[in-house]
Amino acid sequence: MRKLIDMDKKSEIGFVDWEFIHDMQGVVPELINPELISLNKEFLEQIPSKWTELKQKLAKHLRGKEMVHVAIADVENLGNDFKIRGTLQDKEGNHLSYYKVVVFDEDKFEDDYLGAVITNENGTFELSFGKKTFSDFGLEAEPDIYLKIFLWQGQEGRFFEMTRIVPKVFEKTEFNGDRVLLEFGTIIL
């Protein structure tokens, strides 16, 4: 599942699966990619009837605007063996709301993409992913996580990379036998 977030109004729209994204890329590829929907009247008109409920939710976010920018964020990427959680803040203690956090596992040759999430109004992010997203041939027990942080530039309608950070694990909890929760606590940028 993926979460849809109206970046212009800074509000959550709801959830969608990859099938919708894939279907719409075939219909209006210029208006959707795996990270962002350029939501306008043309996009809404092209949504097939099997997605009527989602179409109604999206329509509520247009309200006469020519274009609304809708970010597509991961909730879970290929399983839930691992879950990470953290909060972004600036040096003054302000929560960094609606920033994009892209999570990677650092490897010797090629880093593994673990997912991308958008922080909520409190600057908090959470992502679940499976061991198969990072464990090359099953040899890695845990990921070596680093984050790329992106700031939304509304006038340009896209995210810009701010920084790369290697957060320290604040707390590690194993649960349900083979699942691991990695808490990063507060990450100061």
N, C-alpha and C. Protein backbone atom coordinates (compact mmCIF):
# COMPACT_ATOMS: atom_id res chain seq x y z
N MET A 1 0.83 -1.19 0.00
CA MET A 1 0.00 0.00 0.00
C MET A 1 0.87 1.25 0.00
N ARG A 2 0.34 2.29 -0.61
CA ARG A 2 1.01 3.58 -0.67
C ARG A 2 0.05 4.63 -0.12
N LYS A 3 0.60 5.66 0.51
CA LYS A 3 -0.19 6.74 1.07
C LYS A 3 -0.15 7.93 0.11
N LEU A 4 -1.31 8.55 -0.10
CA LEU A 4 -1.39 9.74 -0.93
C LEU A 4 -1.50 10.97 -0.03
N ILE A 5 -0.65 11.97 -0.29
CA ILE A 5 -0.62 13.17 0.54
C ILE A 5 -0.71 14.40 -0.36
N ASP A 6 -1.69 15.24 -0.09
CA ASP A 6 -1.86 16.49 -0.81
C ASP A 6 -0.78 17.44 -0.29
N MET A 7 0.24 17.70 -1.11
CA MET A 7 1.37 18.53 -0.67
C MET A 7 1.02 20.01 -0.65
N ASP A 8 0.01 20.41 -1.39
CA ASP A 8 -0.39 21.81 -1.39
C ASP A 8 -1.17 22.18 -0.13
N LYS A 9 -2.07 21.29 0.29
CA LYS A 9 -2.88 21.53 1.49
C LYS A 9 -2.26 20.90 2.73
N LYS A 10 -1.20 20.11 2.54
CA LYS A 10 -0.55 19.41 3.65
C LYS A 10 -1.56 18.55 4.41
N SER A 11 -2.18 17.63 3.65
CA SER A 11 -3.16 16.74 4.27
C SER A 11 -3.14 15.38 3.59
N GLU A 12 -3.52 14.37 4.36
CA GLU A 12 -3.54 13.00 3.86
C GLU A 12 -4.84 12.75 3.09
N ILE A 13 -4.72 12.10 1.94
CA ILE A 13 -5.89 11.78 1.12
C ILE A 13 -6.38 10.37 1.43
N GLY A 14 -5.47 9.43 1.54
CA GLY A 14 -5.84 8.04 1.78
C GLY A 14 -4.78 7.12 1.23
N PHE A 15 -5.17 5.88 1.01
CA PHE A 15 -4.22 4.85 0.58
C PHE A 15 -4.58 4.34 -0.81
N VAL A 16 -3.57 3.84 -1.50
CA VAL A 16 -3.73 3.31 -2.84
C VAL A 16 -2.73 2.16 -2.99
N ASP A 17 -3.02 1.24 -3.90
CA ASP A 17 -2.06 0.17 -4.14
C ASP A 17 -1.34 0.42 -5.47
N TRP A 18 -0.32 -0.39 -5.72
CA TRP A 18 0.49 -0.21 -6.92
C TRP A 18 -0.32 -0.41 -8.20
N GLU A 19 -1.38 -1.19 -8.13
CA GLU A 19 -2.20 -1.43 -9.33
C GLU A 19 -2.76 -0.12 -9.88
N PHE A 20 -3.25 0.75 -8.99
CA PHE A 20 -3.78 2.05 -9.43
C PHE A 20 -2.67 2.87 -10.10
N ILE A 21 -1.52 2.94 -9.46
CA ILE A 21 -0.40 3.72 -10.00
C ILE A 21 0.00 3.18 -11.37
N HIS A 22 0.11 1.86 -11.46
CA HIS A 22 0.49 1.22 -12.73
C HIS A 22 -0.56 1.51 -13.80
N ASP A 23 -1.84 1.33 -13.45
CA ASP A 23 -2.92 1.58 -14.42
C ASP A 23 -2.88 3.02 -14.94
N MET A 24 -2.73 3.96 -14.03
CA MET A 24 -2.76 5.37 -14.42
C MET A 24 -1.51 5.78 -15.19
N GLN A 25 -0.39 5.13 -14.94
CA GLN A 25 0.81 5.42 -15.73
C GLN A 25 0.60 5.03 -17.19
N GLY A 26 -0.23 4.02 -17.42
CA GLY A 26 -0.55 3.62 -18.78
C GLY A 26 -1.53 4.55 -19.47
N VAL A 27 -2.32 5.28 -18.68
CA VAL A 27 -3.35 6.15 -19.23
C VAL A 27 -2.86 7.60 -19.38
N VAL A 28 -2.27 8.14 -18.33
CA VAL A 28 -1.78 9.53 -18.34
C VAL A 28 -0.36 9.59 -17.77
N PRO A 29 0.60 9.02 -18.48
CA PRO A 29 1.97 8.94 -17.94
C PRO A 29 2.59 10.30 -17.65
N GLU A 30 2.15 11.33 -18.32
CA GLU A 30 2.71 12.66 -18.08
C GLU A 30 2.23 13.27 -16.76
N LEU A 31 1.22 12.66 -16.11
CA LEU A 31 0.65 13.21 -14.88
C LEU A 31 0.94 12.37 -13.63
N ILE A 32 1.59 11.22 -13.80
CA ILE A 32 1.84 10.36 -12.64
C ILE A 32 3.15 9.62 -12.83
N ASN A 33 3.90 9.51 -11.72
CA ASN A 33 5.07 8.64 -11.65
C ASN A 33 5.04 7.99 -10.28
N PRO A 34 5.96 7.11 -9.93
CA PRO A 34 5.87 6.43 -8.63
C PRO A 34 5.98 7.34 -7.41
N GLU A 35 6.33 8.63 -7.61
CA GLU A 35 6.50 9.54 -6.48
C GLU A 35 5.45 10.63 -6.39
N LEU A 36 4.82 10.98 -7.52
CA LEU A 36 3.98 12.17 -7.53
C LEU A 36 2.86 12.08 -8.57
N ILE A 37 1.67 12.56 -8.19
CA ILE A 37 0.56 12.72 -9.13
C ILE A 37 0.36 14.22 -9.34
N SER A 38 0.32 14.63 -10.58
CA SER A 38 -0.07 16.00 -10.92
C SER A 38 -1.57 15.94 -11.16
N LEU A 39 -2.31 16.14 -10.09
CA LEU A 39 -3.76 15.96 -10.10
C LEU A 39 -4.45 17.18 -10.69
N ASN A 40 -5.19 16.93 -11.77
CA ASN A 40 -6.00 17.98 -12.38
C ASN A 40 -7.27 17.32 -12.93
N LYS A 41 -8.11 18.13 -13.56
CA LYS A 41 -9.38 17.63 -14.08
C LYS A 41 -9.15 16.52 -15.11
N GLU A 42 -8.16 16.67 -15.97
CA GLU A 42 -7.85 15.66 -16.99
C GLU A 42 -7.51 14.31 -16.34
N PHE A 43 -6.72 14.36 -15.26
CA PHE A 43 -6.36 13.13 -14.56
C PHE A 43 -7.62 12.45 -14.02
N LEU A 44 -8.48 13.22 -13.35
CA LEU A 44 -9.71 12.66 -12.79
C LEU A 44 -10.59 12.01 -13.86
N GLU A 45 -10.71 12.67 -15.00
CA GLU A 45 -11.56 12.15 -16.08
C GLU A 45 -11.04 10.82 -16.64
N GLN A 46 -9.77 10.56 -16.50
CA GLN A 46 -9.17 9.35 -17.05
C GLN A 46 -9.19 8.16 -16.08
N ILE A 47 -9.60 8.36 -14.85
CA ILE A 47 -9.61 7.28 -13.86
C ILE A 47 -10.72 6.29 -14.20
N PRO A 48 -10.36 4.99 -14.39
CA PRO A 48 -11.37 3.98 -14.71
C PRO A 48 -12.40 3.81 -13.59
N SER A 49 -13.57 3.31 -13.94
CA SER A 49 -14.68 3.18 -12.99
C SER A 49 -14.37 2.26 -11.82
N LYS A 50 -13.44 1.33 -11.99
CA LYS A 50 -13.11 0.43 -10.86
C LYS A 50 -12.45 1.19 -9.71
N TRP A 51 -12.03 2.43 -9.95
CA TRP A 51 -11.40 3.25 -8.92
C TRP A 51 -12.31 4.41 -8.50
N THR A 52 -13.62 4.22 -8.56
CA THR A 52 -14.59 5.29 -8.29
C THR A 52 -14.41 5.89 -6.90
N GLU A 53 -14.24 5.06 -5.89
CA GLU A 53 -14.10 5.57 -4.52
C GLU A 53 -12.86 6.46 -4.39
N LEU A 54 -11.74 6.03 -4.95
CA LEU A 54 -10.53 6.83 -4.91
C LEU A 54 -10.69 8.12 -5.73
N LYS A 55 -11.37 8.01 -6.84
CA LYS A 55 -11.63 9.18 -7.69
C LYS A 55 -12.39 10.25 -6.90
N GLN A 56 -13.35 9.83 -6.10
CA GLN A 56 -14.13 10.76 -5.29
C GLN A 56 -13.26 11.45 -4.24
N LYS A 57 -12.37 10.69 -3.62
CA LYS A 57 -11.46 11.28 -2.63
C LYS A 57 -10.53 12.30 -3.28
N LEU A 58 -10.01 11.95 -4.45
CA LEU A 58 -9.12 12.87 -5.16
C LEU A 58 -9.87 14.12 -5.60
N ALA A 59 -11.10 13.96 -6.06
CA ALA A 59 -11.90 15.09 -6.54
C ALA A 59 -12.11 16.13 -5.44
N LYS A 60 -12.23 15.69 -4.19
CA LYS A 60 -12.43 16.60 -3.07
C LYS A 60 -11.22 17.52 -2.87
N HIS A 61 -10.07 17.11 -3.36
CA HIS A 61 -8.85 17.91 -3.18
C HIS A 61 -8.63 18.91 -4.31
N LEU A 62 -9.38 18.79 -5.39
CA LEU A 62 -9.20 19.74 -6.49
C LEU A 62 -9.83 21.10 -6.18
N ARG A 63 -11.11 21.13 -5.90
CA ARG A 63 -11.84 22.35 -5.55
C ARG A 63 -11.47 23.54 -6.43
N GLY A 64 -11.58 23.36 -7.73
CA GLY A 64 -11.38 24.45 -8.66
C GLY A 64 -9.94 24.76 -9.01
N LYS A 65 -8.99 24.15 -8.33
CA LYS A 65 -7.59 24.40 -8.66
C LYS A 65 -7.25 23.76 -10.00
N GLU A 66 -6.35 24.36 -10.69
CA GLU A 66 -5.88 23.80 -11.95
C GLU A 66 -5.07 22.53 -11.72
N MET A 67 -4.22 22.54 -10.69
CA MET A 67 -3.32 21.42 -10.44
C MET A 67 -3.08 21.29 -8.93
N VAL A 68 -3.13 20.07 -8.44
CA VAL A 68 -2.79 19.76 -7.06
C VAL A 68 -1.68 18.73 -7.10
N HIS A 69 -0.67 18.91 -6.27
CA HIS A 69 0.46 17.98 -6.22
C HIS A 69 0.22 16.95 -5.12
N VAL A 70 0.17 15.69 -5.51
CA VAL A 70 -0.10 14.60 -4.58
C VAL A 70 1.13 13.69 -4.53
N ALA A 71 1.76 13.64 -3.35
CA ALA A 71 2.92 12.77 -3.16
C ALA A 71 2.45 11.35 -2.91
N ILE A 72 3.22 10.40 -3.40
CA ILE A 72 2.95 8.97 -3.18
C ILE A 72 4.05 8.47 -2.25
N ALA A 73 3.67 8.04 -1.06
CA ALA A 73 4.65 7.61 -0.05
C ALA A 73 4.46 6.13 0.26
N ASP A 74 5.56 5.46 0.54
CA ASP A 74 5.50 4.05 0.94
C ASP A 74 4.96 3.94 2.35
N VAL A 75 4.27 2.87 2.61
CA VAL A 75 3.86 2.50 3.95
C VAL A 75 4.60 1.22 4.31
N GLU A 76 4.62 0.30 3.33
CA GLU A 76 5.32 -0.97 3.49
C GLU A 76 5.96 -1.33 2.15
N ASN A 77 7.19 -1.78 2.19
CA ASN A 77 7.91 -2.14 0.97
C ASN A 77 8.37 -3.59 1.06
N LEU A 78 7.70 -4.45 0.33
CA LEU A 78 8.05 -5.88 0.23
C LEU A 78 8.17 -6.59 1.57
N GLY A 79 7.21 -6.34 2.45
CA GLY A 79 7.17 -7.08 3.71
C GLY A 79 7.27 -6.18 4.92
N ASN A 80 7.23 -6.81 6.10
CA ASN A 80 7.30 -6.04 7.34
C ASN A 80 8.24 -6.67 8.36
N ASP A 81 9.34 -7.25 7.87
CA ASP A 81 10.32 -7.83 8.79
C ASP A 81 10.95 -6.74 9.66
N PHE A 82 11.08 -5.55 9.08
CA PHE A 82 11.69 -4.42 9.79
C PHE A 82 10.74 -3.23 9.74
N LYS A 83 10.76 -2.47 10.81
CA LYS A 83 10.03 -1.20 10.85
C LYS A 83 10.99 -0.17 11.41
N ILE A 84 11.01 1.01 10.78
CA ILE A 84 11.81 2.10 11.32
C ILE A 84 10.89 3.26 11.66
N ARG A 85 11.30 4.03 12.67
CA ARG A 85 10.52 5.18 13.11
C ARG A 85 11.46 6.28 13.55
N GLY A 86 11.06 7.51 13.32
CA GLY A 86 11.85 8.65 13.77
C GLY A 86 11.08 9.94 13.61
N THR A 87 11.68 11.02 14.08
CA THR A 87 11.09 12.35 13.98
C THR A 87 12.16 13.34 13.51
N LEU A 88 11.81 14.15 12.53
CA LEU A 88 12.73 15.18 12.04
C LEU A 88 12.44 16.51 12.73
N GLN A 89 13.52 17.17 13.18
CA GLN A 89 13.41 18.50 13.76
C GLN A 89 14.56 19.35 13.26
N ASP A 90 14.34 20.68 13.28
CA ASP A 90 15.45 21.57 12.98
C ASP A 90 16.18 21.89 14.28
N LYS A 91 17.25 22.68 14.21
CA LYS A 91 18.08 22.98 15.38
C LYS A 91 17.34 23.77 16.46
N GLU A 92 16.26 24.46 16.06
CA GLU A 92 15.46 25.22 17.03
C GLU A 92 14.38 24.37 17.69
N GLY A 93 14.27 23.10 17.31
CA GLY A 93 13.28 22.21 17.89
C GLY A 93 11.95 22.16 17.16
N ASN A 94 11.86 22.81 16.01
CA ASN A 94 10.63 22.79 15.23
C ASN A 94 10.50 21.48 14.46
N HIS A 95 9.31 20.91 14.46
CA HIS A 95 9.06 19.69 13.70
C HIS A 95 9.14 19.99 12.22
N LEU A 96 9.77 19.12 11.46
CA LEU A 96 9.87 19.28 10.02
C LEU A 96 8.76 18.46 9.36
N SER A 97 7.63 19.09 9.17
CA SER A 97 6.42 18.45 8.64
C SER A 97 6.46 18.40 7.12
N TYR A 98 5.98 17.29 6.59
CA TYR A 98 5.81 17.07 5.15
C TYR A 98 7.13 17.15 4.38
N TYR A 99 8.16 16.61 4.98
CA TYR A 99 9.44 16.41 4.30
C TYR A 99 9.46 14.97 3.80
N LYS A 100 10.16 14.74 2.72
CA LYS A 100 10.28 13.39 2.17
C LYS A 100 11.55 12.76 2.73
N VAL A 101 11.41 11.54 3.25
CA VAL A 101 12.52 10.78 3.80
C VAL A 101 12.69 9.53 2.94
N VAL A 102 13.81 9.44 2.23
CA VAL A 102 14.08 8.26 1.41
C VAL A 102 15.11 7.42 2.15
N VAL A 103 14.77 6.15 2.33
CA VAL A 103 15.55 5.26 3.17
C VAL A 103 16.33 4.27 2.30
N PHE A 104 17.63 4.14 2.60
CA PHE A 104 18.51 3.23 1.86
C PHE A 104 19.28 2.34 2.81
N ASP A 105 19.70 1.20 2.29
CA ASP A 105 20.66 0.32 2.97
C ASP A 105 21.98 0.49 2.22
N GLU A 106 23.01 0.88 2.95
CA GLU A 106 24.32 1.10 2.33
C GLU A 106 25.02 -0.24 2.10
N ASP A 107 25.45 -0.44 0.88
CA ASP A 107 26.18 -1.65 0.51
C ASP A 107 27.49 -1.27 -0.14
N LYS A 108 28.36 -2.25 -0.27
CA LYS A 108 29.68 -2.00 -0.83
C LYS A 108 29.61 -1.57 -2.30
N PHE A 109 28.74 -2.21 -3.08
CA PHE A 109 28.69 -1.92 -4.52
C PHE A 109 27.50 -1.06 -4.91
N GLU A 110 26.31 -1.46 -4.52
CA GLU A 110 25.11 -0.70 -4.88
C GLU A 110 24.15 -0.66 -3.70
N ASP A 111 23.77 0.54 -3.29
CA ASP A 111 22.87 0.70 -2.15
C ASP A 111 21.46 0.25 -2.52
N ASP A 112 20.75 -0.28 -1.52
CA ASP A 112 19.39 -0.77 -1.72
C ASP A 112 18.37 0.26 -1.27
N TYR A 113 17.39 0.52 -2.13
CA TYR A 113 16.27 1.41 -1.80
C TYR A 113 15.31 0.65 -0.89
N LEU A 114 15.01 1.22 0.27
CA LEU A 114 14.10 0.57 1.21
C LEU A 114 12.70 1.19 1.22
N GLY A 115 12.60 2.43 0.76
CA GLY A 115 11.30 3.08 0.70
C GLY A 115 11.41 4.58 0.87
N ALA A 116 10.30 5.26 0.63
CA ALA A 116 10.22 6.71 0.78
C ALA A 116 8.93 7.07 1.50
N VAL A 117 9.05 7.88 2.53
CA VAL A 117 7.89 8.29 3.31
C VAL A 117 7.86 9.81 3.43
N ILE A 118 6.72 10.33 3.80
CA ILE A 118 6.55 11.76 4.04
C ILE A 118 6.28 11.93 5.54
N THR A 119 7.01 12.85 6.17
CA THR A 119 6.77 13.08 7.59
C THR A 119 5.38 13.67 7.78
N ASN A 120 4.78 13.38 8.93
CA ASN A 120 3.45 13.93 9.21
C ASN A 120 3.57 15.32 9.81
N GLU A 121 2.47 15.87 10.30
CA GLU A 121 2.48 17.23 10.85
C GLU A 121 3.39 17.37 12.06
N ASN A 122 3.72 16.26 12.74
CA ASN A 122 4.62 16.28 13.88
C ASN A 122 6.07 15.94 13.50
N GLY A 123 6.34 15.83 12.20
CA GLY A 123 7.68 15.51 11.75
C GLY A 123 8.04 14.04 11.87
N THR A 124 7.08 13.20 12.19
CA THR A 124 7.32 11.77 12.41
C THR A 124 7.18 10.99 11.11
N PHE A 125 8.03 9.98 10.97
CA PHE A 125 7.94 9.08 9.82
C PHE A 125 8.03 7.64 10.30
N GLU A 126 7.47 6.74 9.50
CA GLU A 126 7.47 5.31 9.82
C GLU A 126 7.44 4.53 8.51
N LEU A 127 8.22 3.47 8.43
CA LEU A 127 8.27 2.64 7.23
C LEU A 127 8.55 1.20 7.62
N SER A 128 7.81 0.28 7.00
CA SER A 128 8.07 -1.15 7.16
C SER A 128 8.65 -1.68 5.85
N PHE A 129 9.55 -2.63 5.95
CA PHE A 129 10.13 -3.24 4.75
C PHE A 129 10.59 -4.65 5.07
N GLY A 130 10.71 -5.44 4.02
CA GLY A 130 11.11 -6.82 4.17
C GLY A 130 12.61 -7.01 4.08
N LYS A 131 13.07 -8.10 4.63
CA LYS A 131 14.50 -8.42 4.59
C LYS A 131 15.00 -8.56 3.16
N LYS A 132 14.12 -9.03 2.26
CA LYS A 132 14.54 -9.23 0.87
C LYS A 132 14.83 -7.92 0.14
N THR A 133 14.43 -6.77 0.71
CA THR A 133 14.73 -5.49 0.07
C THR A 133 16.19 -5.09 0.21
N PHE A 134 16.90 -5.67 1.19
CA PHE A 134 18.28 -5.26 1.41
C PHE A 134 19.28 -6.41 1.56
N SER A 135 18.83 -7.58 1.92
CA SER A 135 19.75 -8.66 2.24
C SER A 135 20.19 -9.40 0.99
N ASP A 136 21.38 -9.08 0.52
CA ASP A 136 21.94 -9.72 -0.67
C ASP A 136 22.21 -11.19 -0.39
N PHE A 137 21.46 -12.03 -1.07
CA PHE A 137 21.59 -13.49 -0.94
C PHE A 137 21.35 -13.97 0.49
N GLY A 138 20.61 -13.19 1.27
CA GLY A 138 20.30 -13.58 2.64
C GLY A 138 21.45 -13.45 3.61
N LEU A 139 22.51 -12.77 3.21
CA LEU A 139 23.71 -12.68 4.05
C LEU A 139 23.65 -11.56 5.08
N GLU A 140 22.92 -10.49 4.82
CA GLU A 140 22.84 -9.37 5.77
C GLU A 140 21.71 -9.62 6.76
N ALA A 141 22.03 -9.52 8.05
CA ALA A 141 21.01 -9.70 9.08
C ALA A 141 20.20 -8.44 9.29
N GLU A 142 20.86 -7.27 9.20
CA GLU A 142 20.19 -5.99 9.40
C GLU A 142 20.72 -4.98 8.40
N PRO A 143 19.89 -4.00 8.06
CA PRO A 143 20.33 -2.98 7.10
C PRO A 143 21.25 -1.94 7.74
N ASP A 144 22.12 -1.38 6.93
CA ASP A 144 22.95 -0.23 7.33
C ASP A 144 22.25 1.00 6.75
N ILE A 145 21.41 1.61 7.56
CA ILE A 145 20.48 2.63 7.08
C ILE A 145 21.11 4.02 7.00
N TYR A 146 20.80 4.67 5.89
CA TYR A 146 21.01 6.11 5.79
C TYR A 146 19.78 6.72 5.14
N LEU A 147 19.59 8.01 5.37
CA LEU A 147 18.41 8.71 4.90
C LEU A 147 18.82 9.87 4.00
N LYS A 148 18.03 10.10 2.96
CA LYS A 148 18.12 11.31 2.18
C LYS A 148 16.86 12.10 2.48
N ILE A 149 17.04 13.36 2.85
CA ILE A 149 15.92 14.20 3.24
C ILE A 149 15.66 15.22 2.13
N PHE A 150 14.38 15.34 1.74
CA PHE A 150 13.98 16.23 0.66
C PHE A 150 12.95 17.23 1.17
N LEU A 151 13.07 18.47 0.73
CA LEU A 151 12.15 19.54 1.07
C LEU A 151 11.22 19.78 -0.11
N TRP A 152 9.93 19.95 0.19
CA TRP A 152 8.94 20.23 -0.86
C TRP A 152 9.03 21.68 -1.28
N GLN A 153 9.15 21.90 -2.55
CA GLN A 153 9.14 23.25 -3.13
C GLN A 153 7.84 23.38 -3.92
N GLY A 154 6.81 23.91 -3.28
CA GLY A 154 5.47 23.97 -3.85
C GLY A 154 5.39 24.73 -5.16
N GLN A 155 6.09 25.84 -5.27
CA GLN A 155 6.01 26.63 -6.50
C GLN A 155 6.57 25.87 -7.69
N GLU A 156 7.54 25.01 -7.43
CA GLU A 156 8.14 24.22 -8.51
C GLU A 156 7.46 22.86 -8.66
N GLY A 157 6.67 22.48 -7.65
CA GLY A 157 5.96 21.21 -7.70
C GLY A 157 6.85 19.99 -7.64
N ARG A 158 7.90 20.06 -6.80
CA ARG A 158 8.79 18.90 -6.66
C ARG A 158 9.58 18.97 -5.37
N PHE A 159 10.21 17.85 -5.05
CA PHE A 159 11.06 17.75 -3.87
C PHE A 159 12.50 18.03 -4.26
N PHE A 160 13.23 18.74 -3.37
CA PHE A 160 14.65 19.01 -3.57
C PHE A 160 15.44 18.38 -2.43
N GLU A 161 16.51 17.69 -2.77
CA GLU A 161 17.33 17.05 -1.75
C GLU A 161 18.03 18.09 -0.88
N MET A 162 17.88 17.92 0.43
CA MET A 162 18.52 18.81 1.40
C MET A 162 19.83 18.23 1.92
N THR A 163 19.74 16.96 2.34
CA THR A 163 20.90 16.37 3.01
C THR A 163 20.81 14.85 3.01
N ARG A 164 21.93 14.26 3.31
CA ARG A 164 22.02 12.81 3.55
C ARG A 164 22.52 12.67 4.98
N ILE A 165 21.89 11.76 5.72
CA ILE A 165 22.25 11.59 7.13
C ILE A 165 22.25 10.12 7.50
N VAL A 166 23.18 9.73 8.35
CA VAL A 166 23.22 8.37 8.89
C VAL A 166 22.74 8.48 10.34
N PRO A 167 21.48 8.13 10.58
CA PRO A 167 20.95 8.28 11.94
C PRO A 167 21.45 7.17 12.85
N LYS A 168 21.54 7.50 14.12
CA LYS A 168 21.92 6.50 15.11
C LYS A 168 20.65 5.83 15.64
N VAL A 169 20.72 4.52 15.81
CA VAL A 169 19.58 3.78 16.35
C VAL A 169 19.47 4.10 17.83
N PHE A 170 18.33 4.65 18.20
CA PHE A 170 18.04 5.03 19.58
C PHE A 170 17.64 3.80 20.40
N GLU A 171 16.83 2.95 19.78
CA GLU A 171 16.35 1.75 20.46
C GLU A 171 16.02 0.68 19.43
N LYS A 172 16.38 -0.56 19.73
CA LYS A 172 16.09 -1.70 18.86
C LYS A 172 15.23 -2.68 19.65
N THR A 173 14.09 -3.06 19.06
CA THR A 173 13.17 -3.98 19.72
C THR A 173 12.84 -5.11 18.76
N GLU A 174 12.97 -6.33 19.21
CA GLU A 174 12.55 -7.48 18.41
C GLU A 174 11.16 -7.88 18.88
N PHE A 175 10.27 -8.17 17.93
CA PHE A 175 8.91 -8.55 18.30
C PHE A 175 8.38 -9.59 17.34
N ASN A 176 7.38 -10.32 17.78
CA ASN A 176 6.75 -11.40 17.00
C ASN A 176 7.76 -12.36 16.40
N GLY A 177 8.79 -12.69 17.14
CA GLY A 177 9.76 -13.70 16.71
C GLY A 177 10.81 -13.23 15.72
N ASP A 178 10.40 -12.72 14.56
CA ASP A 178 11.39 -12.39 13.54
C ASP A 178 11.28 -10.97 13.01
N ARG A 179 10.57 -10.11 13.71
CA ARG A 179 10.43 -8.71 13.28
C ARG A 179 11.29 -7.81 14.18
N VAL A 180 11.76 -6.72 13.58
CA VAL A 180 12.63 -5.81 14.31
C VAL A 180 12.14 -4.37 14.12
N LEU A 181 12.05 -3.63 15.23
CA LEU A 181 11.72 -2.22 15.20
C LEU A 181 12.97 -1.43 15.53
N LEU A 182 13.35 -0.52 14.63
CA LEU A 182 14.49 0.35 14.85
C LEU A 182 13.96 1.77 15.07
N GLU A 183 14.17 2.28 16.27
CA GLU A 183 13.73 3.64 16.63
C GLU A 183 14.93 4.57 16.49
N PHE A 184 14.75 5.65 15.74
CA PHE A 184 15.81 6.63 15.58
C PHE A 184 15.62 7.84 16.49
N GLY A 185 14.48 7.91 17.17
CA GLY A 185 14.22 9.05 18.04
C GLY A 185 14.14 10.33 17.22
N THR A 186 14.66 11.42 17.78
CA THR A 186 14.63 12.71 17.11
C THR A 186 15.91 12.89 16.32
N ILE A 187 15.76 13.21 15.04
CA ILE A 187 16.89 13.46 14.16
C ILE A 187 16.92 14.96 13.89
N ILE A 188 18.00 15.60 14.30
CA ILE A 188 18.14 17.05 14.14
C ILE A 188 18.87 17.34 12.84
N LEU A 189 18.27 18.18 12.01
CA LEU A 189 18.89 18.57 10.75
C LEU A 189 19.49 19.96 10.86
